[in-house]
Amino acid sequence: MKKVVLVASVALVLFFLITRPTQSADVVQTSLGGLRNGADGLVTFVHNLFGSGYSGSDHYSGNDHYSGSENAGGGEVYTIH
């Protein structure tokens, strides 16, 4: 019975990916956004619990630009612009 349910689920997912790719992508992006928000909330909770004062708004927004250069020690140094 488990195998039938698994095969049917995979077939259904593939059907929607093939027939409605845009809507499928929207569902995946929404799901991942929800997971990211949940993870960000969990990180904020843990940091606040242990007194570091982390705020979820300090999280990477995706709008920053990074440039890299090598420092005297041979490692990369990244600067946010």
C-alpha atoms as a PDB file:
ATOM      1  CA  MET A   1       0.000   0.000   0.000  1.00  0.00           C
ATOM      2  CA  LYS A   2       2.833   2.430   0.852  1.00  0.00           C
ATOM      3  CA  LYS A   3       4.450   1.813  -2.514  1.00  0.00           C
ATOM      4  CA  VAL A   4       1.201   2.603  -4.367  1.00  0.00           C
ATOM      5  CA  VAL A   5       0.766   5.872  -2.444  1.00  0.00           C
ATOM      6  CA  LEU A   6       4.400   6.831  -3.107  1.00  0.00           C
ATOM      7  CA  VAL A   7       4.147   6.128  -6.850  1.00  0.00           C
ATOM      8  CA  ALA A   8       0.828   7.991  -7.081  1.00  0.00           C
ATOM      9  CA  SER A   9       2.282  10.996  -5.217  1.00  0.00           C
ATOM     10  CA  VAL A  10       5.339  11.152  -7.477  1.00  0.00           C
ATOM     11  CA  ALA A  11       3.131  10.830 -10.563  1.00  0.00           C
ATOM     12  CA  LEU A  12       0.878  13.657  -9.338  1.00  0.00           C
ATOM     13  CA  VAL A  13       3.850  15.944  -8.658  1.00  0.00           C
ATOM     14  CA  LEU A  14       5.343  15.214 -12.070  1.00  0.00           C
ATOM     15  CA  PHE A  15       1.975  15.826 -13.730  1.00  0.00           C
ATOM     16  CA  PHE A  16       1.691  19.283 -12.159  1.00  0.00           C
ATOM     17  CA  LEU A  17       5.335  20.127 -12.900  1.00  0.00           C
ATOM     18  CA  ILE A  18       4.831  19.304 -16.567  1.00  0.00           C
ATOM     19  CA  THR A  19       1.350  20.769 -17.106  1.00  0.00           C
ATOM     20  CA  ARG A  20       1.617  23.854 -14.852  1.00  0.00           C
ATOM     21  CA  PRO A  21       5.279  24.803 -14.407  1.00  0.00           C
ATOM     22  CA  THR A  22       4.647  28.437 -13.443  1.00  0.00           C
ATOM     23  CA  GLN A  23       2.130  27.577 -10.739  1.00  0.00           C
ATOM     24  CA  SER A  24       4.402  24.769  -9.507  1.00  0.00           C
ATOM     25  CA  ALA A  25       7.310  27.195  -9.199  1.00  0.00           C
ATOM     26  CA  ASP A  26       5.101  29.632  -7.282  1.00  0.00           C
ATOM     27  CA  VAL A  27       4.107  26.876  -4.847  1.00  0.00           C
ATOM     28  CA  VAL A  28       7.746  25.913  -4.283  1.00  0.00           C
ATOM     29  CA  GLN A  29       8.808  29.551  -3.779  1.00  0.00           C
ATOM     30  CA  THR A  30       5.956  30.137  -1.326  1.00  0.00           C
ATOM     31  CA  SER A  31       6.839  26.968   0.575  1.00  0.00           C
ATOM     32  CA  LEU A  32      10.524  27.844   0.745  1.00  0.00           C
ATOM     33  CA  GLY A  33       9.658  31.386   1.839  1.00  0.00           C
ATOM     34  CA  GLY A  34       7.546  29.973   4.650  1.00  0.00           C
ATOM     35  CA  LEU A  35      10.356  27.647   5.702  1.00  0.00           C
ATOM     36  CA  ARG A  36      12.821  30.557   5.629  1.00  0.00           C
ATOM     37  CA  ASN A  37      10.526  32.695   7.777  1.00  0.00           C
ATOM     38  CA  GLY A  38      10.092  29.830  10.219  1.00  0.00           C
ATOM     39  CA  ALA A  39      13.839  29.236  10.412  1.00  0.00           C
ATOM     40  CA  ASP A  40      14.477  32.965  10.856  1.00  0.00           C
ATOM     41  CA  GLY A  41      11.945  33.056  13.678  1.00  0.00           C
ATOM     42  CA  LEU A  42      13.565  30.050  15.338  1.00  0.00           C
ATOM     43  CA  VAL A  43      17.022  31.627  15.066  1.00  0.00           C
ATOM     44  CA  THR A  44      15.690  34.888  16.509  1.00  0.00           C
ATOM     45  CA  PHE A  45      14.107  32.986  19.403  1.00  0.00           C
ATOM     46  CA  VAL A  46      17.288  31.052  20.214  1.00  0.00           C
ATOM     47  CA  HIS A  47      19.485  34.147  19.998  1.00  0.00           C
ATOM     48  CA  ASN A  48      17.112  36.123  22.218  1.00  0.00           C
ATOM     49  CA  LEU A  49      16.895  33.202  24.626  1.00  0.00           C
ATOM     50  CA  PHE A  50      20.641  33.215  25.121  1.00  0.00           C
ATOM     51  CA  GLY A  51      20.875  37.012  25.254  1.00  0.00           C
ATOM     52  CA  SER A  52      22.700  37.861  22.050  1.00  0.00           C
ATOM     53  CA  GLY A  53      19.971  40.293  20.970  1.00  0.00           C
ATOM     54  CA  TYR A  54      19.809  39.031  17.392  1.00  0.00           C
ATOM     55  CA  SER A  55      17.006  40.579  15.362  1.00  0.00           C
ATOM     56  CA  GLY A  56      15.559  38.806  12.326  1.00  0.00           C
ATOM     57  CA  SER A  57      15.684  42.099  10.445  1.00  0.00           C
ATOM     58  CA  ASP A  58      19.489  41.878  10.543  1.00  0.00           C
ATOM     59  CA  HIS A  59      19.276  38.846   8.275  1.00  0.00           C
ATOM     60  CA  TYR A  60      20.655  39.013   4.725  1.00  0.00           C
ATOM     61  CA  SER A  61      18.119  40.757   2.481  1.00  0.00           C
ATOM     62  CA  GLY A  62      19.598  39.775  -0.867  1.00  0.00           C
ATOM     63  CA  ASN A  63      20.129  43.408  -1.903  1.00  0.00           C
ATOM     64  CA  ASP A  64      23.730  43.724  -0.761  1.00  0.00           C
ATOM     65  CA  HIS A  65      26.639  43.602  -3.171  1.00  0.00           C
ATOM     66  CA  TYR A  66      29.873  41.923  -2.192  1.00  0.00           C
ATOM     67  CA  SER A  67      33.357  42.446  -3.538  1.00  0.00           C
ATOM     68  CA  GLY A  68      36.320  40.324  -2.603  1.00  0.00           C
ATOM     69  CA  SER A  69      40.031  40.908  -2.323  1.00  0.00           C
ATOM     70  CA  GLU A  70      42.921  39.063  -0.737  1.00  0.00           C
ATOM     71  CA  ASN A  71      44.338  40.277   2.558  1.00  0.00           C
ATOM     72  CA  ALA A  72      47.983  40.070   3.673  1.00  0.00           C
ATOM     73  CA  GLY A  73      47.353  36.649   5.257  1.00  0.00           C
ATOM     74  CA  GLY A  74      46.336  35.175   1.909  1.00  0.00           C
ATOM     75  CA  GLY A  75      42.612  34.840   2.720  1.00  0.00           C
ATOM     76  CA  GLU A  76      39.690  36.498   1.012  1.00  0.00           C
ATOM     77  CA  VAL A  77      38.143  39.655   2.479  1.00  0.00           C
ATOM     78  CA  TYR A  78      34.575  40.552   1.499  1.00  0.00           C
ATOM     79  CA  THR A  79      33.102  44.016   1.740  1.00  0.00           C
ATOM     80  CA  ILE A  80      29.373  44.826   1.621  1.00  0.00           C
ATOM     81  CA  HIS A  81      28.458  47.817  -0.566  1.00  0.00           C
END
